[in-house]
Each structure stands twice: as C-alpha cells, then as structure tokens.
Protein backbone atom coordinates (compact mmCIF):
# COMPACT_ATOMS: atom_id res chain seq x y z
CA UNK A 1 -8.21 -23.21 -2.90
CA UNK A 2 -10.23 -20.44 -1.29
CA UNK A 3 -11.12 -17.55 -3.52
CA UNK A 4 -10.99 -14.10 -2.00
CA UNK A 5 -14.06 -12.07 -2.93
CA UNK A 6 -13.83 -8.31 -2.58
CA UNK A 7 -16.28 -5.58 -3.38
CA UNK A 8 -15.01 -3.53 -6.27
CA UNK A 9 -16.22 0.06 -6.24
CA UNK A 10 -16.39 1.59 -9.68
CA UNK A 11 -16.75 5.34 -9.78
CA UNK A 12 -18.25 6.65 -13.00
CA UNK A 13 -16.43 9.93 -13.56
CA UNK A 14 -18.13 11.38 -16.64
CA UNK A 15 -20.87 12.95 -14.50
CA UNK A 16 -21.39 16.15 -12.50
CA UNK A 17 -22.27 13.93 -9.54
CA UNK A 18 -19.99 11.20 -8.23
CA UNK A 19 -22.02 8.02 -8.62
CA UNK A 20 -21.07 4.67 -7.11
CA UNK A 21 -21.29 1.44 -9.04
CA UNK A 22 -20.04 -1.93 -7.89
CA UNK A 23 -19.41 -5.57 -8.60
CA UNK A 24 -17.90 -8.54 -6.89
CA UNK A 25 -14.31 -9.19 -7.92
CA UNK A 26 -12.60 -12.47 -7.17
CA UNK A 27 -8.91 -12.82 -6.49
CA UNK A 28 -8.35 -16.16 -8.19
CA UNK A 29 -4.79 -16.51 -6.98
CA UNK A 30 -1.82 -14.44 -5.82
CA UNK A 31 0.84 -14.37 -8.53
CA UNK A 32 4.20 -15.02 -6.97
CA UNK A 33 7.25 -16.50 -8.67
CA UNK A 34 7.54 -16.94 -11.60
CA UNK A 35 4.77 -14.44 -12.39
CA UNK A 36 5.16 -11.57 -9.93
CA UNK A 37 5.35 -9.10 -12.84
CA UNK A 38 2.50 -10.33 -15.05
CA UNK A 39 1.99 -7.65 -17.66
CA UNK A 40 -0.05 -9.11 -20.55
CA UNK A 41 -3.02 -11.46 -20.72
CA UNK A 42 -5.10 -13.33 -23.29
CA UNK A 43 -7.83 -15.95 -22.91
CA UNK A 44 -7.91 -18.69 -25.51
CA UNK A 45 -9.08 -22.32 -25.55
CA UNK A 46 -10.21 -21.90 -21.94
CA UNK A 47 -6.63 -21.10 -20.95
CA UNK A 48 -5.07 -17.88 -19.73
CA UNK A 49 -1.70 -16.96 -21.22
CA UNK A 50 0.51 -14.29 -19.66
CA UNK A 51 4.14 -13.15 -19.39
CA UNK A 52 6.46 -11.08 -17.22
CA UNK A 53 7.79 -7.67 -18.17
CA UNK A 54 11.21 -5.96 -18.03
CA UNK A 55 14.08 -8.41 -18.37
CA UNK A 56 11.96 -11.44 -17.59
CA UNK A 57 12.34 -14.76 -19.34
CA UNK A 58 11.30 -14.87 -23.01
CA UNK A 59 8.40 -17.14 -22.22
CA UNK A 60 4.64 -17.38 -22.18
CA UNK A 61 3.01 -18.90 -19.11
CA UNK A 62 -0.24 -20.82 -19.30
CA UNK A 63 -2.66 -20.71 -16.35
CA UNK A 64 -5.76 -22.68 -15.52
CA UNK A 65 -8.62 -20.18 -15.81
CA UNK A 66 -10.52 -21.60 -12.81
CA UNK A 67 -7.71 -21.88 -10.30
CA UNK A 68 -5.00 -19.64 -11.75
CA UNK A 69 -2.52 -22.45 -11.27
CA UNK A 70 0.56 -22.52 -13.49
CA UNK A 71 0.21 -25.29 -16.12
CA UNK A 72 2.82 -24.74 -18.81
CA UNK A 73 5.70 -22.56 -19.98
CA UNK A 74 6.51 -22.01 -23.65
CA UNK A 75 9.89 -20.49 -24.55
CA UNK A 76 10.16 -18.14 -27.56
CA UNK A 77 13.56 -19.26 -28.73
CA UNK A 78 14.54 -16.30 -30.93
CA UNK A 79 13.07 -13.49 -28.79
CA UNK A 80 14.42 -11.25 -26.04
CA UNK A 81 12.32 -9.81 -23.25
CA UNK A 82 13.54 -6.21 -23.08
CA UNK A 83 10.21 -4.91 -21.78
CA UNK A 84 7.26 -7.09 -22.73
CA UNK A 85 4.09 -5.20 -21.86
CA UNK A 86 0.98 -6.72 -23.43
CA UNK A 87 -0.49 -9.61 -25.42
CA UNK A 88 -3.06 -9.85 -28.19
CA UNK A 89 -4.31 -12.69 -30.37
CA UNK A 90 -6.48 -13.52 -33.35
CA UNK A 91 -7.42 -16.83 -34.94
CA UNK A 92 -3.90 -17.42 -36.25
CA UNK A 93 -1.31 -15.67 -34.08
CA UNK A 94 -0.29 -14.47 -30.64
CA UNK A 95 1.26 -10.99 -30.61
CA UNK A 96 3.71 -9.95 -27.87
CA UNK A 97 4.37 -6.23 -27.49
CA UNK A 98 8.02 -5.67 -26.55
CA UNK A 99 7.54 -1.91 -26.65
CA UNK A 100 7.80 -0.79 -23.04
CA UNK A 101 9.82 2.43 -23.17
CA UNK A 102 9.60 4.29 -19.86
CA UNK A 103 12.74 6.27 -20.66
CA UNK A 104 11.83 7.07 -24.26
CA UNK A 105 15.28 5.97 -25.48
CA UNK A 106 14.63 2.61 -27.12
CA UNK A 107 15.35 2.06 -30.81
CA UNK A 108 14.54 -1.65 -30.79
CA UNK A 109 10.73 -1.68 -30.38
CA UNK A 110 9.19 -4.89 -31.65
CA UNK A 111 6.05 -7.01 -31.74
CA UNK A 112 6.72 -10.75 -31.77
CA UNK A 113 4.21 -12.79 -33.78
CA UNK A 114 3.84 -16.48 -32.91
CA UNK A 115 1.80 -19.02 -34.84
CA UNK A 116 -0.99 -20.47 -32.69
CA UNK A 117 -0.57 -23.76 -34.51
CA UNK A 118 3.08 -23.82 -33.43
CA UNK A 119 2.18 -22.80 -29.89
CA UNK A 120 -0.36 -25.57 -29.37
CA UNK A 121 1.55 -28.30 -31.22
CA UNK A 122 5.18 -27.76 -30.25
CA UNK A 123 6.66 -31.05 -29.02
CA UNK A 124 9.16 -29.40 -26.66
CA UNK A 125 7.38 -26.22 -25.47
CA UNK A 126 9.64 -24.10 -27.66
CA UNK A 127 8.52 -21.88 -30.56
CA UNK A 128 10.00 -19.29 -32.90
CA UNK A 129 8.54 -15.86 -33.61
CA UNK A 130 8.28 -13.53 -36.58
CA UNK A 131 9.14 -9.87 -36.01
CA UNK A 132 7.14 -6.70 -36.60
CA UNK A 133 9.55 -3.79 -36.13
CA UNK A 134 8.35 -0.40 -34.87
CA UNK A 135 9.43 3.21 -34.57
CA UNK A 136 7.57 6.46 -33.90
CA UNK A 137 7.43 8.76 -36.92
CA UNK A 138 7.43 11.91 -34.76
CA UNK A 139 10.25 10.91 -32.39
CA UNK A 140 13.51 12.76 -33.05
CA UNK A 141 15.19 12.61 -29.62
CA UNK A 142 16.22 9.40 -27.85
CA UNK A 143 17.66 10.95 -24.71
CA UNK A 144 16.91 8.99 -21.55
CA UNK A 145 13.93 10.71 -19.88
CA UNK A 146 12.77 8.32 -17.18
CA UNK A 147 8.98 8.43 -16.77
CA UNK A 148 8.89 11.68 -18.76
CA UNK A 149 8.08 10.64 -22.32
CA UNK A 150 5.06 10.16 -24.56
CA UNK A 151 6.86 7.44 -26.56
CA UNK A 152 6.03 4.63 -24.18
CA UNK A 153 3.46 1.92 -24.91
CA UNK A 154 1.95 -0.93 -22.88
CA UNK A 155 -1.26 -1.83 -24.71
CA UNK A 156 -2.06 -3.77 -27.87
CA UNK A 157 -5.18 -5.44 -29.24
CA UNK A 158 -6.47 -6.82 -32.52
CA UNK A 159 -9.48 -5.25 -34.20
CA UNK A 160 -10.36 -6.68 -37.62
CA UNK A 161 -7.29 -6.94 -39.80
CA UNK A 162 -5.21 -4.42 -37.79
CA UNK A 163 -3.17 -4.12 -34.64
CA UNK A 164 -4.10 -1.19 -32.38
CA UNK A 165 -1.51 0.23 -29.99
CA UNK A 166 -2.34 2.65 -27.15
CA UNK A 167 0.54 4.69 -25.76
CA UNK A 168 1.36 5.35 -22.12
CA UNK A 169 1.88 9.11 -22.06
CA UNK A 170 3.79 10.16 -18.96
CA UNK A 171 3.76 13.84 -19.88
CA UNK A 172 0.18 14.65 -20.83
CA UNK A 173 -1.87 11.73 -19.38
CA UNK A 174 -3.38 11.01 -22.80
CA UNK A 175 -3.09 7.92 -24.94
CA UNK A 176 -2.14 8.08 -28.60
CA UNK A 177 -3.69 5.51 -30.91
CA UNK A 178 -1.49 3.80 -33.50
CA UNK A 179 -2.79 1.38 -36.12
CA UNK A 180 -0.70 -0.98 -38.24
CA UNK A 181 -1.14 -4.17 -40.27
CA UNK A 182 -0.65 -7.59 -38.72
CA UNK A 183 1.94 -8.44 -41.37
CA UNK A 184 5.68 -8.82 -40.83
CA UNK A 185 7.47 -5.55 -41.64
CA UNK A 186 9.10 -2.39 -40.39
CA UNK A 187 6.56 0.30 -39.52
CA UNK A 188 6.92 3.99 -38.76
CA UNK A 189 3.95 4.74 -36.50
CA UNK A 190 1.80 7.80 -37.12
CA UNK A 191 -0.68 8.99 -34.50
CA UNK A 192 -4.17 7.98 -35.63
CA UNK A 193 -6.05 9.57 -32.73
CA UNK A 194 -5.65 10.86 -29.17
CA UNK A 195 -7.80 10.16 -26.10
CA UNK A 196 -7.73 12.18 -22.86
CA UNK A 197 -7.68 9.22 -20.46
CA UNK A 198 -6.35 11.10 -17.39
CA UNK A 199 -3.87 8.37 -16.52
CA UNK A 200 -1.35 5.82 -17.79
CA UNK A 201 -2.75 3.10 -20.07
CA UNK A 202 -1.42 -0.39 -19.32
CA UNK A 203 -3.48 -2.83 -21.41
CA UNK A 204 -6.12 -3.15 -24.11
CA UNK A 205 -8.56 -5.81 -25.26
CA UNK A 206 -11.32 -5.93 -27.84
CA UNK A 207 -14.37 -7.86 -26.72
CA UNK A 208 -15.73 -9.43 -29.90
CA UNK A 209 -18.93 -10.55 -28.14
CA UNK A 210 -20.00 -7.15 -26.80
CA UNK A 211 -18.21 -5.16 -29.55
CA UNK A 212 -16.44 -3.05 -26.93
CA UNK A 213 -12.90 -1.79 -26.64
CA UNK A 214 -11.53 -2.02 -23.09
CA UNK A 215 -8.52 -0.11 -21.76
CA UNK A 216 -6.98 -0.44 -18.31
CA UNK A 217 -4.74 2.11 -16.66
CA UNK A 218 -3.41 3.55 -13.44
CA UNK A 219 -3.19 6.90 -11.70
CA UNK A 220 -1.29 7.71 -8.47
CA UNK A 221 -4.61 7.29 -6.68
CA UNK A 222 -6.28 4.21 -8.15
CA UNK A 223 -6.44 2.04 -11.28
CA UNK A 224 -9.25 2.49 -13.78
CA UNK A 225 -11.06 0.85 -16.70
CA UNK A 226 -12.35 2.59 -19.81
CA UNK A 227 -15.13 0.88 -21.75
CA UNK A 228 -15.91 2.08 -25.31
CA UNK A 229 -18.70 1.05 -27.69
CA UNK A 230 -16.93 0.27 -30.94
CA UNK A 231 -17.97 1.85 -34.22
CA UNK A 232 -15.45 1.56 -37.06
CA UNK A 233 -16.88 4.62 -38.81
CA UNK A 234 -16.24 6.92 -35.83
CA UNK A 235 -12.83 8.17 -34.60
CA UNK A 236 -11.87 6.39 -31.39
CA UNK A 237 -11.72 9.67 -29.46
CA UNK A 238 -15.41 10.21 -30.31
CA UNK A 239 -16.66 6.78 -29.30
CA UNK A 240 -19.23 6.58 -26.52
CA UNK A 241 -17.29 5.62 -23.41
CA UNK A 242 -17.31 5.35 -19.64
CA UNK A 243 -14.31 5.56 -17.32
CA UNK A 244 -14.48 3.79 -13.97
CA UNK A 245 -12.14 4.06 -11.01
CA UNK A 246 -11.42 0.78 -9.23
CA UNK A 247 -11.16 0.83 -5.44
CA UNK A 248 -10.31 -2.39 -3.63
CA UNK A 249 -8.70 -3.06 -0.25
CA UNK A 250 -4.99 -2.23 -0.44
CA UNK A 251 -3.09 -0.78 -3.37
CA UNK A 252 -2.98 -2.52 -6.74
CA UNK A 253 -1.54 -1.66 -10.12
CA UNK A 254 -3.60 -3.20 -12.91
CA UNK A 255 -1.42 -4.35 -15.81
CA UNK A 256 -3.54 -6.55 -18.09
CA UNK A 257 -7.10 -7.38 -19.14
CA UNK A 258 -8.63 -10.24 -21.13
CA UNK A 259 -12.32 -10.67 -21.98
CA UNK A 260 -13.90 -14.10 -21.48
CA UNK A 261 -17.55 -13.37 -22.30
CA UNK A 262 -19.84 -10.45 -23.07
CA UNK A 263 -19.31 -8.85 -19.68
CA UNK A 264 -16.73 -10.90 -17.78
CA UNK A 265 -13.00 -10.18 -17.63
CA UNK A 266 -9.78 -11.40 -16.13
CA UNK A 267 -7.32 -8.80 -14.85
CA UNK A 268 -3.79 -9.13 -13.56
CA UNK A 269 -2.02 -6.79 -11.17
CA UNK A 270 1.71 -6.78 -10.53
CA UNK A 271 3.55 -6.63 -7.21
CA UNK A 272 2.99 -3.10 -5.88
CA UNK A 273 3.81 -1.34 -2.60
CA UNK A 274 4.35 -4.58 -0.72
CA UNK A 275 1.33 -6.35 -2.20
CA UNK A 276 1.85 -9.41 -4.38
CA UNK A 277 0.52 -9.53 -7.91
CA UNK A 278 -2.87 -11.15 -8.44
CA UNK A 279 -5.06 -12.80 -11.01
CA UNK A 280 -8.52 -11.26 -10.67
CA UNK A 281 -11.88 -11.98 -12.25
CA UNK A 282 -14.57 -9.35 -12.73
CA UNK A 283 -18.12 -10.34 -13.65
CA UNK A 284 -20.65 -7.79 -14.88
CA UNK A 285 -24.37 -8.05 -15.44
CA UNK A 286 -27.07 -7.24 -17.97
CA UNK A 287 -24.78 -7.05 -20.98
CA UNK A 288 -22.37 -4.44 -19.67
CA UNK A 289 -19.43 -4.42 -17.33
CA UNK A 290 -20.74 -2.17 -14.62
CA UNK A 291 -24.49 -1.75 -14.65
CA UNK A 292 -25.43 -2.90 -11.16
CA UNK A 293 -26.11 0.02 -8.84
CA UNK A 294 -24.00 -0.64 -5.77
CA UNK A 295 -25.12 2.33 -3.71
CA UNK A 296 -27.77 5.01 -3.96
CA UNK A 297 -25.42 7.49 -2.35
CA UNK A 298 -24.06 10.28 -4.52
CA UNK A 299 -21.80 13.13 -3.49
CA UNK A 300 -20.76 16.39 -5.08
CA UNK A 301 -17.41 17.90 -4.07
CA UNK A 302 -16.84 21.64 -4.42
CA UNK A 303 -14.85 23.73 -4.88
CA UNK A 304 -11.83 21.89 -6.25
CA UNK A 305 -9.11 23.28 -6.40
CA UNK A 306 -9.48 24.50 -2.80
CA UNK A 307 -8.13 27.60 -1.08
CA UNK A 308 -9.54 27.33 2.47
CA UNK A 309 -12.71 25.27 2.97
CA UNK A 310 -14.66 22.83 0.83
CA UNK A 311 -17.89 20.88 1.02
CA UNK A 312 -19.30 17.42 0.31
CA UNK A 313 -22.98 17.42 -0.63
CA UNK A 314 -24.76 14.05 -0.60
CA UNK A 315 -27.95 13.44 -2.54
CA UNK A 316 -29.50 11.62 0.44
CA UNK A 317 -28.58 11.64 4.15
CA UNK A 318 -25.95 9.04 5.06
CA UNK A 319 -26.23 7.21 8.37
CA UNK A 320 -22.51 6.70 8.91
CA UNK A 321 -19.59 7.93 6.82
CA UNK A 322 -15.84 8.23 7.46
CA UNK A 323 -13.80 10.93 5.74
CA UNK A 324 -10.03 10.59 5.31
CA UNK A 325 -7.54 13.02 3.79
CA UNK A 326 -4.09 11.64 3.02
CA UNK A 327 -1.00 12.94 1.28
CA UNK A 328 0.59 11.26 -1.72
CA UNK A 329 2.78 9.16 0.57
CA UNK A 330 -0.38 7.55 1.95
CA UNK A 331 -0.11 9.27 5.35
CA UNK A 332 -3.53 10.12 6.80
CA UNK A 333 -3.54 13.73 7.98
CA UNK A 334 -7.27 13.98 8.75
CA UNK A 335 -9.95 11.49 9.78
CA UNK A 336 -13.45 12.06 11.07
CA UNK A 337 -16.67 10.03 11.33
CA UNK A 338 -20.01 11.70 10.59
CA UNK A 339 -23.54 10.48 11.32
CA UNK A 340 -26.92 11.14 9.65
CA UNK A 341 -25.75 13.91 7.39
CA UNK A 342 -26.21 15.05 3.82
CA UNK A 343 -23.60 17.83 3.95
CA UNK A 344 -20.07 17.96 5.34
CA UNK A 345 -17.93 21.11 5.69
CA UNK A 346 -14.18 20.45 5.63
CA UNK A 347 -11.09 22.57 6.19
CA UNK A 348 -8.35 22.39 3.59
CA UNK A 349 -4.90 21.10 4.61
CA UNK A 350 -2.56 23.94 5.56
CA UNK A 351 0.13 23.05 3.02
CA UNK A 352 -0.52 23.59 -0.67
CA UNK A 353 -0.39 20.53 -2.89
CA UNK A 354 -2.29 17.43 -3.99
CA UNK A 355 -4.11 15.13 -1.56
CA UNK A 356 -6.41 12.11 -1.64
CA UNK A 357 -9.92 12.39 -0.18
CA UNK A 358 -11.48 9.03 0.76
CA UNK A 359 -15.20 8.74 1.50
CA UNK A 360 -16.02 5.44 3.20
CA UNK A 361 -19.52 4.34 4.19
CA UNK A 362 -20.88 0.93 5.12
CA UNK A 363 -21.70 0.25 1.48
CA UNK A 364 -19.27 2.17 -0.69
CA UNK A 365 -15.84 3.71 -0.96
CA UNK A 366 -14.73 6.61 -3.14
CA UNK A 367 -11.30 8.18 -3.63
CA UNK A 368 -10.85 11.61 -5.17
CA UNK A 369 -7.90 13.90 -5.84
CA UNK A 370 -8.13 17.33 -4.23
CA UNK A 371 -5.81 20.24 -4.96
CA UNK A 372 -5.04 22.88 -2.33
CA UNK A 373 -3.87 26.21 -3.74
C-alpha cells in the first residue's frame, strides 16, 4: 500500500501576525465502507478502534495501526447507535459517547461503558455494555432546532477518575466543559467551564505522555486542533493553549483524534464534499505537536472587517505568491499572482458578506475569513 504524504499547514492564530507552521501528515488509508463515517478513535494495544456515527451499526471496528486495514468488528449487543460521536478509554473500560444531538431534541443521551477484558476475550466478537445516562441540567426546551443548539456534544476523554465532555455549540462557537464520574448512573450535567474555541468541537483526547489535552474541531473554512497544557489546579479555560488551523489539499472534516506517543496522533475524517473519509497520522517533533517552523513568511491582514480596500503585509519579500478570494460556496471570484513583494493592496468584493482569502506560496498555504461590510 502506498501512503499519501501531504504537507499540513498549521496556522497559529493566537498571534498578531499570522505565522505558518507545518508537518508532514500521512493518509494511511481512505475509509470507505464500512467506515465512511468514522467519528471516534482510540489507540490501545497497538490497535486503532473506531465506529460510525448516526444510525450506523452498534459496533466497534478494529484497524491495523500501520496499514489502516480493517481487522475485526465487535458488536455491542445491548446498545443502539442513535448518534455515536466519540470514544475514550482507561485501563479498564471503553466509553462510547452516544450523545450527538444536532437538533437539541434528544432525551436519550447515553455513554456506553464496555469492559476491556470482555472486549479482548469475547469468544464471538459480541459484548454487552453498562449505561451512563445523561441530561443537561440547564436544558428546558427540546424543540427540534437543527444545527442551532448548544446542547450537542461530540467529544469525550478520560482524565484521572473522571469523564470530560466538550460540547459542540452551534450558536456561540464555544465549547462547554462537563465533568462526571466514570461510574454507572444517571447524571444531570452542569457546565464546569466554557472555552471560546471559535468553531465546532468534534473530538477530545488526553495525552498521558505529554500531559496535554487535545481538541479537534471544524469551521466552515478549515478544521483545527487545540493543544492545552494540562494543570488540574487551573480552570480549563485558563490553561495555556494553542489553536492551529489545518490546511491540506481538498476539503476534510476532522472527526476524531487519538494520541499514540508524546507528539504523534492519528486523526480520522469523514466523507465530506465528495471526498472519502481518511485515516491520517500526524507526527510532531521536539516534544510538541507543531514546533517545526515550516515557513519564515508571516503576513498581517488589515483591516478586517473591510469596507473598500485591504492590505496584506509580509514580514519579508515573497518571490511568488498567489492570492485567491472565494465565496462560501467555494467559487473563486478573484485570483492574482504576485512576484517579489512584501505588500499587496486588494479591493474588497462588491457584495457584502463573508469570504475566504487563500494565500498560497511555494512553501505554505493560509486560509483566512474576511468580512465585507
């Protein structure tokens, strides 16, 4: 099998300048049937375990971590897959989050807990699960509000003796943090903290080697990863963190993350805008996910929002750069190539609204949202 190696451009956004970072990301394998909607991921005993979301089979699928090839399917006999969204594990159990709630109208939220001993030793690839029942303490309305609710969740991880859930807030682009015991029970979830993530969170993992909490998410423009240095004495919203935008060829929607070492991760993406889902591997360096400097180029965009004209200011002259402006349908409405420049003057699109600005050089790519008023 030939592995596809792409350059992954990671844009550190907590900075007044737009700084490029990069790594090599490998597409281990395209995930077609039966895993076109892979939504959760864990790495255990040198195996990857995943599942499908939204009305998929109530099953866990085991993949070879080197080739991504499907090895085994384990049925959870007493479970239903209403909207499975993420996986977590500890030394004793696998936890399946059936808490996807895009419409905000579910009253049957649940985490299935499966004994690892049962999972590994079942004679017929069938196991039974315990149930951890959930509800949101602050939710009073269960009217169907498709993609317009803050009572959706797609991310779960284990930290210490607790389960941590991170909501997918369609309305305010934040994530609410919920914490509950790993014990069987019926829990009314209270918001522990809130993080302004500027997107929709799709997965979580706690890297016990690096002591970092990792969140993945998506925006209309590109997926992203948030990396946080864990400190149990500090509120999560105050943890030191970096947020990186992922730009790869084509459009992907990242759905799951699993750590495999101090600074290496597997990701899965689901079928999206005509692209098949994929199993991806990202390898970092020097003890952190994204430390290697991919490009010395930096650019500052101003003003934004825009009324008439705007400007890109590069730290150093760039020999060759292409600028694209596209609408939210992906239609390119402006394209121009510039040579040996450190400053570019641009005219705003005539119609008010939100657009995507893409800056593409020989060594880096950057996508930014611009707003025309």
